[in-house]
PDB file of N, CA and C in Angstrom:
ATOM      1  N   MET A   1      14.454  -5.164  -5.348  1.00  0.00           N
ATOM      2  CA  MET A   1      14.598  -3.949  -4.552  1.00  0.00           C
ATOM      3  C   MET A   1      13.244  -3.701  -3.868  1.00  0.00           C
ATOM      4  N   LEU A   2      13.273  -3.525  -2.552  1.00  0.00           N
ATOM      5  CA  LEU A   2      12.046  -3.332  -1.809  1.00  0.00           C
ATOM      6  C   LEU A   2      11.672  -1.863  -1.582  1.00  0.00           C
ATOM      7  N   THR A   3      12.615  -0.963  -1.769  1.00  0.00           N
ATOM      8  CA  THR A   3      12.309   0.466  -1.750  1.00  0.00           C
ATOM      9  C   THR A   3      12.843   1.110  -2.980  1.00  0.00           C
ATOM     10  N   LEU A   4      12.218   2.207  -3.425  1.00  0.00           N
ATOM     11  CA  LEU A   4      12.639   2.879  -4.636  1.00  0.00           C
ATOM     12  C   LEU A   4      12.853   4.380  -4.281  1.00  0.00           C
ATOM     13  N   ASN A   5      13.901   4.942  -4.859  1.00  0.00           N
ATOM     14  CA  ASN A   5      14.138   6.361  -4.705  1.00  0.00           C
ATOM     15  C   ASN A   5      13.015   7.134  -5.333  1.00  0.00           C
ATOM     16  N   LEU A   6      12.500   8.097  -4.671  1.00  0.00           N
ATOM     17  CA  LEU A   6      11.406   8.858  -5.148  1.00  0.00           C
ATOM     18  C   LEU A   6      11.690   9.599  -6.490  1.00  0.00           C
ATOM     19  N   SER A   7      12.911   9.921  -6.695  1.00  0.00           N
ATOM     20  CA  SER A   7      13.268  10.656  -7.942  1.00  0.00           C
ATOM     21  C   SER A   7      13.905   9.726  -9.013  1.00  0.00           C
ATOM     22  N   SER A   8      13.733   8.447  -8.864  1.00  0.00           N
ATOM     23  CA  SER A   8      14.296   7.515  -9.859  1.00  0.00           C
ATOM     24  C   SER A   8      13.416   7.389 -11.078  1.00  0.00           C
ATOM     25  N   PRO A   9      14.037   7.483 -12.293  1.00  0.00           N
ATOM     26  CA  PRO A   9      13.233   7.329 -13.536  1.00  0.00           C
ATOM     27  C   PRO A   9      12.796   5.863 -13.645  1.00  0.00           C
ATOM     28  N   ALA A  10      13.316   4.949 -12.857  1.00  0.00           N
ATOM     29  CA  ALA A  10      12.937   3.559 -12.948  1.00  0.00           C
ATOM     30  C   ALA A  10      11.536   3.262 -12.294  1.00  0.00           C
ATOM     31  N   VAL A  11      11.006   4.237 -11.518  1.00  0.00           N
ATOM     32  CA  VAL A  11       9.755   4.076 -10.869  1.00  0.00           C
ATOM     33  C   VAL A  11       8.617   4.056 -11.888  1.00  0.00           C
ATOM     34  N   ALA A  12       7.717   3.066 -11.762  1.00  0.00           N
ATOM     35  CA  ALA A  12       6.609   2.951 -12.726  1.00  0.00           C
ATOM     36  C   ALA A  12       5.439   2.403 -11.923  1.00  0.00           C
ATOM     37  N   PHE A  13       4.244   2.473 -12.485  1.00  0.00           N
ATOM     38  CA  PHE A  13       3.039   1.987 -11.856  1.00  0.00           C
ATOM     39  C   PHE A  13       3.231   0.516 -11.398  1.00  0.00           C
ATOM     40  N   GLU A  14       3.880  -0.336 -12.217  1.00  0.00           N
ATOM     41  CA  GLU A  14       4.060  -1.760 -11.917  1.00  0.00           C
ATOM     42  C   GLU A  14       4.858  -2.046 -10.684  1.00  0.00           C
ATOM     43  N   ASN A  15       5.822  -1.171 -10.393  1.00  0.00           N
ATOM     44  CA  ASN A  15       6.712  -1.425  -9.177  1.00  0.00           C
ATOM     45  C   ASN A  15       6.499  -0.476  -8.032  1.00  0.00           C
ATOM     46  N   ALA A  16       5.609   0.554  -8.241  1.00  0.00           N
ATOM     47  CA  ALA A  16       5.432   1.569  -7.144  1.00  0.00           C
ATOM     48  C   ALA A  16       3.999   1.879  -6.930  1.00  0.00           C
ATOM     49  N   GLY A  17       3.090   1.350  -7.709  1.00  0.00           N
ATOM     50  CA  GLY A  17       1.664   1.702  -7.557  1.00  0.00           C
ATOM     51  C   GLY A  17       1.359   3.045  -8.123  1.00  0.00           C
ATOM     52  N   GLY A  18       0.084   3.401  -8.129  1.00  0.00           N
ATOM     53  CA  GLY A  18      -0.300   4.645  -8.770  1.00  0.00           C
ATOM     54  C   GLY A  18       0.207   5.890  -8.050  1.00  0.00           C
ATOM     55  N   LYS A  19       0.024   5.931  -6.706  1.00  0.00           N
ATOM     56  CA  LYS A  19       0.490   7.103  -5.944  1.00  0.00           C
ATOM     57  C   LYS A  19       1.996   7.277  -6.045  1.00  0.00           C
ATOM     58  N   GLY A  20       2.718   6.182  -5.868  1.00  0.00           N
ATOM     59  CA  GLY A  20       4.199   6.251  -5.932  1.00  0.00           C
ATOM     60  C   GLY A  20       4.642   6.730  -7.320  1.00  0.00           C
ATOM     61  N   ALA A  21       4.112   6.198  -8.362  1.00  0.00           N
ATOM     62  CA  ALA A  21       4.458   6.600  -9.721  1.00  0.00           C
ATOM     63  C   ALA A  21       4.143   8.036  -9.969  1.00  0.00           C
ATOM     64  N   SER A  22       3.018   8.509  -9.474  1.00  0.00           N
ATOM     65  CA  SER A  22       2.641   9.905  -9.661  1.00  0.00           C
ATOM     66  C   SER A  22       3.619  10.846  -8.933  1.00  0.00           C
ATOM     67  N   LEU A  23       3.922  10.478  -7.683  1.00  0.00           N
ATOM     68  CA  LEU A  23       4.855  11.338  -6.952  1.00  0.00           C
ATOM     69  C   LEU A  23       6.195  11.375  -7.592  1.00  0.00           C
ATOM     70  N   ALA A  24       6.674  10.214  -8.123  1.00  0.00           N
ATOM     71  CA  ALA A  24       7.981  10.173  -8.807  1.00  0.00           C
ATOM     72  C   ALA A  24       7.975  11.065  -9.995  1.00  0.00           C
ATOM     73  N   ARG A  25       6.940  11.009 -10.797  1.00  0.00           N
ATOM     74  CA  ARG A  25       6.839  11.920 -11.972  1.00  0.00           C
ATOM     75  C   ARG A  25       6.918  13.365 -11.582  1.00  0.00           C
ATOM     76  N   LEU A  26       6.223  13.750 -10.527  1.00  0.00           N
ATOM     77  CA  LEU A  26       6.251  15.117 -10.055  1.00  0.00           C
ATOM     78  C   LEU A  26       7.700  15.491  -9.609  1.00  0.00           C
ATOM     79  N   ALA A  27       8.369  14.573  -8.914  1.00  0.00           N
ATOM     80  CA  ALA A  27       9.731  14.855  -8.464  1.00  0.00           C
ATOM     81  C   ALA A  27      10.716  14.968  -9.633  1.00  0.00           C
ATOM     82  N   ILE A  28      10.568  14.113 -10.627  1.00  0.00           N
ATOM     83  CA  ILE A  28      11.414  14.172 -11.794  1.00  0.00           C
ATOM     84  C   ILE A  28      11.239  15.450 -12.592  1.00  0.00           C
ATOM     85  N   LEU A  29       9.994  15.944 -12.565  1.00  0.00           N
ATOM     86  CA  LEU A  29       9.714  17.197 -13.257  1.00  0.00           C
ATOM     87  C   LEU A  29      10.202  18.429 -12.491  1.00  0.00           C
ATOM     88  N   GLY A  30      10.743  18.187 -11.289  1.00  0.00           N
ATOM     89  CA  GLY A  30      11.257  19.279 -10.450  1.00  0.00           C
ATOM     90  C   GLY A  30      10.231  20.005  -9.601  1.00  0.00           C
ATOM     91  N   LEU A  31       9.068  19.448  -9.534  1.00  0.00           N
ATOM     92  CA  LEU A  31       8.004  20.087  -8.698  1.00  0.00           C
ATOM     93  C   LEU A  31       8.293  19.786  -7.245  1.00  0.00           C
ATOM     94  N   PRO A  32       7.752  20.598  -6.344  1.00  0.00           N
ATOM     95  CA  PRO A  32       8.056  20.430  -4.895  1.00  0.00           C
ATOM     96  C   PRO A  32       7.450  19.206  -4.270  1.00  0.00           C
ATOM     97  N   VAL A  33       8.207  18.105  -4.142  1.00  0.00           N
ATOM     98  CA  VAL A  33       7.767  16.934  -3.533  1.00  0.00           C
ATOM     99  C   VAL A  33       8.724  16.712  -2.370  1.00  0.00           C
ATOM    100  N   PRO A  34       8.192  16.442  -1.163  1.00  0.00           N
ATOM    101  CA  PRO A  34       9.132  16.203  -0.054  1.00  0.00           C
ATOM    102  C   PRO A  34      10.032  14.985  -0.320  1.00  0.00           C
ATOM    103  N   PRO A  35      11.234  15.024   0.210  1.00  0.00           N
ATOM    104  CA  PRO A  35      12.100  13.872  -0.046  1.00  0.00           C
ATOM    105  C   PRO A  35      11.543  12.655   0.603  1.00  0.00           C
ATOM    106  N   GLY A  36      11.819  11.516   0.003  1.00  0.00           N
ATOM    107  CA  GLY A  36      11.279  10.286   0.524  1.00  0.00           C
ATOM    108  C   GLY A  36      11.632   9.107  -0.330  1.00  0.00           C
ATOM    109  N   PHE A  37      10.953   8.030  -0.076  1.00  0.00           N
ATOM    110  CA  PHE A  37      11.151   6.785  -0.844  1.00  0.00           C
ATOM    111  C   PHE A  37       9.762   6.150  -1.037  1.00  0.00           C
ATOM    112  N   ILE A  38       9.793   5.115  -1.915  1.00  0.00           N
ATOM    113  CA  ILE A  38       8.513   4.390  -2.174  1.00  0.00           C
ATOM    114  C   ILE A  38       8.749   2.939  -1.773  1.00  0.00           C
ATOM    115  N   VAL A  39       7.785   2.368  -1.070  1.00  0.00           N
ATOM    116  CA  VAL A  39       7.851   0.969  -0.718  1.00  0.00           C
ATOM    117  C   VAL A  39       7.311   0.250  -1.983  1.00  0.00           C
ATOM    118  N   ALA A  40       8.207  -0.587  -2.573  1.00  0.00           N
ATOM    119  CA  ALA A  40       7.818  -1.261  -3.852  1.00  0.00           C
ATOM    120  C   ALA A  40       6.685  -2.236  -3.652  1.00  0.00           C
ATOM    121  N   THR A  41       5.972  -2.400  -4.717  1.00  0.00           N
ATOM    122  CA  THR A  41       4.839  -3.357  -4.666  1.00  0.00           C
ATOM    123  C   THR A  41       5.304  -4.768  -4.302  1.00  0.00           C
ATOM    124  N   GLU A  42       6.498  -5.135  -4.694  1.00  0.00           N
ATOM    125  CA  GLU A  42       7.028  -6.451  -4.308  1.00  0.00           C
ATOM    126  C   GLU A  42       7.169  -6.560  -2.752  1.00  0.00           C
ATOM    127  N   ALA A  43       7.506  -5.476  -2.100  1.00  0.00           N
ATOM    128  CA  ALA A  43       7.629  -5.487  -0.630  1.00  0.00           C
ATOM    129  C   ALA A  43       6.258  -5.667  -0.002  1.00  0.00           C
ATOM    130  N   CYS A  44       5.237  -4.984  -0.600  1.00  0.00           N
ATOM    131  CA  CYS A  44       3.889  -5.129  -0.109  1.00  0.00           C
ATOM    132  C   CYS A  44       3.404  -6.600  -0.257  1.00  0.00           C
ATOM    133  N   ARG A  45       3.705  -7.177  -1.427  1.00  0.00           N
ATOM    134  CA  ARG A  45       3.266  -8.560  -1.696  1.00  0.00           C
ATOM    135  C   ARG A  45       3.958  -9.538  -0.678  1.00  0.00           C
ATOM    136  N   ARG A  46       5.196  -9.312  -0.416  1.00  0.00           N
ATOM    137  CA  ARG A  46       5.931 -10.141   0.545  1.00  0.00           C
ATOM    138  C   ARG A  46       5.363 -10.024   1.959  1.00  0.00           C
ATOM    139  N   PHE A  47       5.046  -8.779   2.355  1.00  0.00           N
ATOM    140  CA  PHE A  47       4.457  -8.525   3.683  1.00  0.00           C
ATOM    141  C   PHE A  47       3.100  -9.248   3.795  1.00  0.00           C
ATOM    142  N   VAL A  48       2.251  -9.108   2.760  1.00  0.00           N
ATOM    143  CA  VAL A  48       0.963  -9.755   2.787  1.00  0.00           C
ATOM    144  C   VAL A  48       1.103 -11.289   2.904  1.00  0.00           C
ATOM    145  N   ALA A  49       2.042 -11.833   2.123  1.00  0.00           N
ATOM    146  CA  ALA A  49       2.280 -13.299   2.178  1.00  0.00           C
ATOM    147  C   ALA A  49       2.850 -13.754   3.511  1.00  0.00           C
ATOM    148  N   ALA A  50       3.810 -13.011   4.028  1.00  0.00           N
ATOM    149  CA  ALA A  50       4.449 -13.376   5.306  1.00  0.00           C
ATOM    150  C   ALA A  50       3.529 -13.315   6.495  1.00  0.00           C
ATOM    151  N   ASN A  51       2.531 -12.490   6.414  1.00  0.00           N
ATOM    152  CA  ASN A  51       1.563 -12.335   7.514  1.00  0.00           C
ATOM    153  C   ASN A  51       0.241 -13.002   7.197  1.00  0.00           C
ATOM    154  N   ASP A  52       0.139 -13.803   6.175  1.00  0.00           N
ATOM    155  CA  ASP A  52      -1.043 -14.520   5.754  1.00  0.00           C
ATOM    156  C   ASP A  52      -2.267 -13.591   5.669  1.00  0.00           C
ATOM    157  N   LEU A  53      -2.059 -12.401   5.055  1.00  0.00           N
ATOM    158  CA  LEU A  53      -3.138 -11.470   4.976  1.00  0.00           C
ATOM    159  C   LEU A  53      -3.961 -11.590   3.703  1.00  0.00           C
ATOM    160  N   ASP A  54      -3.511 -12.433   2.770  1.00  0.00           N
ATOM    161  CA  ASP A  54      -4.252 -12.579   1.542  1.00  0.00           C
ATOM    162  C   ASP A  54      -5.678 -13.128   1.826  1.00  0.00           C
ATOM    163  N   ARG A  55      -5.786 -14.105   2.683  1.00  0.00           N
ATOM    164  CA  ARG A  55      -7.105 -14.665   2.953  1.00  0.00           C
ATOM    165  C   ARG A  55      -7.995 -13.667   3.703  1.00  0.00           C
ATOM    166  N   VAL A  56      -7.391 -12.869   4.562  1.00  0.00           N
ATOM    167  CA  VAL A  56      -8.110 -11.836   5.321  1.00  0.00           C
ATOM    168  C   VAL A  56      -8.602 -10.789   4.368  1.00  0.00           C
ATOM    169  N   ILE A  57      -7.716 -10.304   3.476  1.00  0.00           N
ATOM    170  CA  ILE A  57      -8.132  -9.262   2.515  1.00  0.00           C
ATOM    171  C   ILE A  57      -9.245  -9.800   1.649  1.00  0.00           C
ATOM    172  N   THR A  58      -9.126 -10.970   1.154  1.00  0.00           N
ATOM    173  CA  THR A  58     -10.175 -11.559   0.338  1.00  0.00           C
ATOM    174  C   THR A  58     -11.528 -11.638   1.058  1.00  0.00           C
ATOM    175  N   ALA A  59     -11.463 -12.061   2.351  1.00  0.00           N
ATOM    176  CA  ALA A  59     -12.708 -12.155   3.114  1.00  0.00           C
ATOM    177  C   ALA A  59     -13.301 -10.761   3.346  1.00  0.00           C
ATOM    178  N   CYS A  60     -12.465  -9.769   3.647  1.00  0.00           N
ATOM    179  CA  CYS A  60     -12.924  -8.383   3.815  1.00  0.00           C
ATOM    180  C   CYS A  60     -13.597  -7.874   2.551  1.00  0.00           C
ATOM    181  N   LEU A  61     -12.985  -8.088   1.449  1.00  0.00           N
ATOM    182  CA  LEU A  61     -13.551  -7.565   0.198  1.00  0.00           C
ATOM    183  C   LEU A  61     -14.825  -8.275  -0.182  1.00  0.00           C
ATOM    184  N   ALA A  62     -14.985  -9.555   0.169  1.00  0.00           N
ATOM    185  CA  ALA A  62     -16.162 -10.268  -0.162  1.00  0.00           C
ATOM    186  C   ALA A  62     -17.396  -9.673   0.528  1.00  0.00           C
ATOM    187  N   ASP A  63     -17.178  -9.129   1.726  1.00  0.00           N
ATOM    188  CA  ASP A  63     -18.291  -8.580   2.522  1.00  0.00           C
ATOM    189  C   ASP A  63     -18.613  -7.108   2.245  1.00  0.00           C
ATOM    190  N   LEU A  64     -17.743  -6.454   1.438  1.00  0.00           N
ATOM    191  CA  LEU A  64     -17.967  -5.055   1.191  1.00  0.00           C
ATOM    192  C   LEU A  64     -19.096  -4.795   0.204  1.00  0.00           C
ATOM    193  N   VAL A  65     -19.779  -3.679   0.435  1.00  0.00           N
ATOM    194  CA  VAL A  65     -20.785  -3.203  -0.477  1.00  0.00           C
ATOM    195  C   VAL A  65     -20.141  -2.111  -1.318  1.00  0.00           C
ATOM    196  N   PRO A  66     -20.090  -2.249  -2.626  1.00  0.00           N
ATOM    197  CA  PRO A  66     -19.309  -1.269  -3.490  1.00  0.00           C
ATOM    198  C   PRO A  66     -19.635   0.212  -3.229  1.00  0.00           C
ATOM    199  N   ASP A  67     -20.826   0.553  -2.890  1.00  0.00           N
ATOM    200  CA  ASP A  67     -21.175   1.987  -2.674  1.00  0.00           C
ATOM    201  C   ASP A  67     -20.915   2.439  -1.228  1.00  0.00           C
ATOM    202  N   ASP A  68     -20.425   1.548  -0.352  1.00  0.00           N
ATOM    203  CA  ASP A  68     -20.152   1.937   1.018  1.00  0.00           C
ATOM    204  C   ASP A  68     -18.736   2.251   1.240  1.00  0.00           C
ATOM    205  N   ALA A  69     -18.410   3.541   1.107  1.00  0.00           N
ATOM    206  CA  ALA A  69     -16.999   3.975   1.230  1.00  0.00           C
ATOM    207  C   ALA A  69     -16.432   3.682   2.610  1.00  0.00           C
ATOM    208  N   GLY A  70     -17.243   3.629   3.656  1.00  0.00           N
ATOM    209  CA  GLY A  70     -16.744   3.430   5.006  1.00  0.00           C
ATOM    210  C   GLY A  70     -16.804   1.967   5.447  1.00  0.00           C
ATOM    211  N   GLY A  71     -17.012   1.080   4.539  1.00  0.00           N
ATOM    212  CA  GLY A  71     -17.198  -0.339   4.924  1.00  0.00           C
ATOM    213  C   GLY A  71     -15.933  -0.895   5.622  1.00  0.00           C
ATOM    214  N   LEU A  72     -14.769  -0.543   5.199  1.00  0.00           N
ATOM    215  CA  LEU A  72     -13.569  -1.127   5.907  1.00  0.00           C
ATOM    216  C   LEU A  72     -13.422  -0.632   7.307  1.00  0.00           C
ATOM    217  N   GLU A  73     -14.039   0.477   7.607  1.00  0.00           N
ATOM    218  CA  GLU A  73     -13.951   1.083   8.965  1.00  0.00           C
ATOM    219  C   GLU A  73     -14.797   0.247   9.962  1.00  0.00           C
ATOM    220  N   THR A  74     -15.697  -0.566   9.431  1.00  0.00           N
ATOM    221  CA  THR A  74     -16.586  -1.327  10.346  1.00  0.00           C
ATOM    222  C   THR A  74     -16.229  -2.812  10.406  1.00  0.00           C
ATOM    223  N   LEU A  75     -15.000  -3.155  10.092  1.00  0.00           N
ATOM    224  CA  LEU A  75     -14.518  -4.538  10.137  1.00  0.00           C
ATOM    225  C   LEU A  75     -14.742  -5.108  11.590  1.00  0.00           C
ATOM    226  N   ASP A  76     -15.041  -6.378  11.594  1.00  0.00           N
ATOM    227  CA  ASP A  76     -15.172  -6.995  12.914  1.00  0.00           C
ATOM    228  C   ASP A  76     -13.795  -7.102  13.607  1.00  0.00           C
ATOM    229  N   PRO A  77     -13.712  -7.190  14.907  1.00  0.00           N
ATOM    230  CA  PRO A  77     -12.427  -7.167  15.599  1.00  0.00           C
ATOM    231  C   PRO A  77     -11.442  -8.245  15.159  1.00  0.00           C
ATOM    232  N   THR A  78     -11.928  -9.411  14.789  1.00  0.00           N
ATOM    233  CA  THR A  78     -11.009 -10.457  14.388  1.00  0.00           C
ATOM    234  C   THR A  78     -10.280 -10.091  13.119  1.00  0.00           C
ATOM    235  N   ARG A  79     -11.058  -9.552  12.140  1.00  0.00           N
ATOM    236  CA  ARG A  79     -10.399  -9.093  10.870  1.00  0.00           C
ATOM    237  C   ARG A  79      -9.497  -7.899  11.130  1.00  0.00           C
ATOM    238  N   ARG A  80      -9.949  -6.979  11.942  1.00  0.00           N
ATOM    239  CA  ARG A  80      -9.102  -5.815  12.236  1.00  0.00           C
ATOM    240  C   ARG A  80      -7.818  -6.224  12.869  1.00  0.00           C
ATOM    241  N   ALA A  81      -7.843  -7.167  13.765  1.00  0.00           N
ATOM    242  CA  ALA A  81      -6.622  -7.696  14.471  1.00  0.00           C
ATOM    243  C   ALA A  81      -5.615  -8.264  13.468  1.00  0.00           C
ATOM    244  N   ALA A  82      -6.127  -8.826  12.364  1.00  0.00           N
ATOM    245  CA  ALA A  82      -5.215  -9.385  11.404  1.00  0.00           C
ATOM    246  C   ALA A  82      -4.320  -8.320  10.760  1.00  0.00           C
ATOM    247  N   PHE A  83      -4.738  -7.063  10.820  1.00  0.00           N
ATOM    248  CA  PHE A  83      -3.939  -6.015  10.229  1.00  0.00           C
ATOM    249  C   PHE A  83      -3.026  -5.315  11.254  1.00  0.00           C
ATOM    250  N   SER A  84      -2.980  -5.814  12.498  1.00  0.00           N
ATOM    251  CA  SER A  84      -2.158  -5.207  13.509  1.00  0.00           C
ATOM    252  C   SER A  84      -0.687  -5.134  13.137  1.00  0.00           C
ATOM    253  N   PRO A  85      -0.108  -6.122  12.428  1.00  0.00           N
ATOM    254  CA  PRO A  85       1.316  -5.897  11.978  1.00  0.00           C
ATOM    255  C   PRO A  85       1.516  -4.644  11.170  1.00  0.00           C
ATOM    256  N   ILE A  86       0.503  -4.330  10.342  1.00  0.00           N
ATOM    257  CA  ILE A  86       0.591  -3.110   9.535  1.00  0.00           C
ATOM    258  C   ILE A  86       0.585  -1.891  10.415  1.00  0.00           C
ATOM    259  N   ARG A  87      -0.280  -1.873  11.375  1.00  0.00           N
ATOM    260  CA  ARG A  87      -0.376  -0.696  12.277  1.00  0.00           C
ATOM    261  C   ARG A  87       0.939  -0.478  13.040  1.00  0.00           C
ATOM    262  N   HIS A  88       1.554  -1.596  13.416  1.00  0.00           N
ATOM    263  CA  HIS A  88       2.837  -1.503  14.133  1.00  0.00           C
ATOM    264  C   HIS A  88       3.900  -0.855  13.252  1.00  0.00           C
ATOM    265  N   LEU A  89       3.879  -1.141  11.955  1.00  0.00           N
ATOM    266  CA  LEU A  89       4.878  -0.570  11.076  1.00  0.00           C
ATOM    267  C   LEU A  89       4.602   0.893  10.727  1.00  0.00           C
ATOM    268  N   ILE A  90       3.368   1.294  10.630  1.00  0.00           N
ATOM    269  CA  ILE A  90       3.048   2.671  10.240  1.00  0.00           C
ATOM    270  C   ILE A  90       2.735   3.610  11.410  1.00  0.00           C
ATOM    271  N   GLY A  91       2.825   3.058  12.582  1.00  0.00           N
ATOM    272  CA  GLY A  91       2.658   3.943  13.769  1.00  0.00           C
ATOM    273  C   GLY A  91       1.298   3.888  14.345  1.00  0.00           C
TER     274      GLY A  91
END
C-alpha cells in the first residue's frame, strides 16, 4: 500500500514515518486533525529509486556540516535539479 488512511490503526513509524505516525495517533484519539492521508515510506523509497535520487541524497549529506541547519538550501544547481521531480509533485 502506497498511501495510508490518516485514521488507520495500522499506521506506525515503520510505514508512515514519525510525522505520519504522530498525526495518526492524534486522529485516532479524536483530536482535531485535518482529513488526509499519509504517503507510505515504501512509496518514498520507490520514488527515490525510480528517480535515482539515492546517489544524490548521499552526495548532499556527505557535504553537509551537522551544525549548519541551512546547508540544504545552498545546494549547487546540479544537485538541486535532481530534486525537480519532487517539486513537480508537491507544487
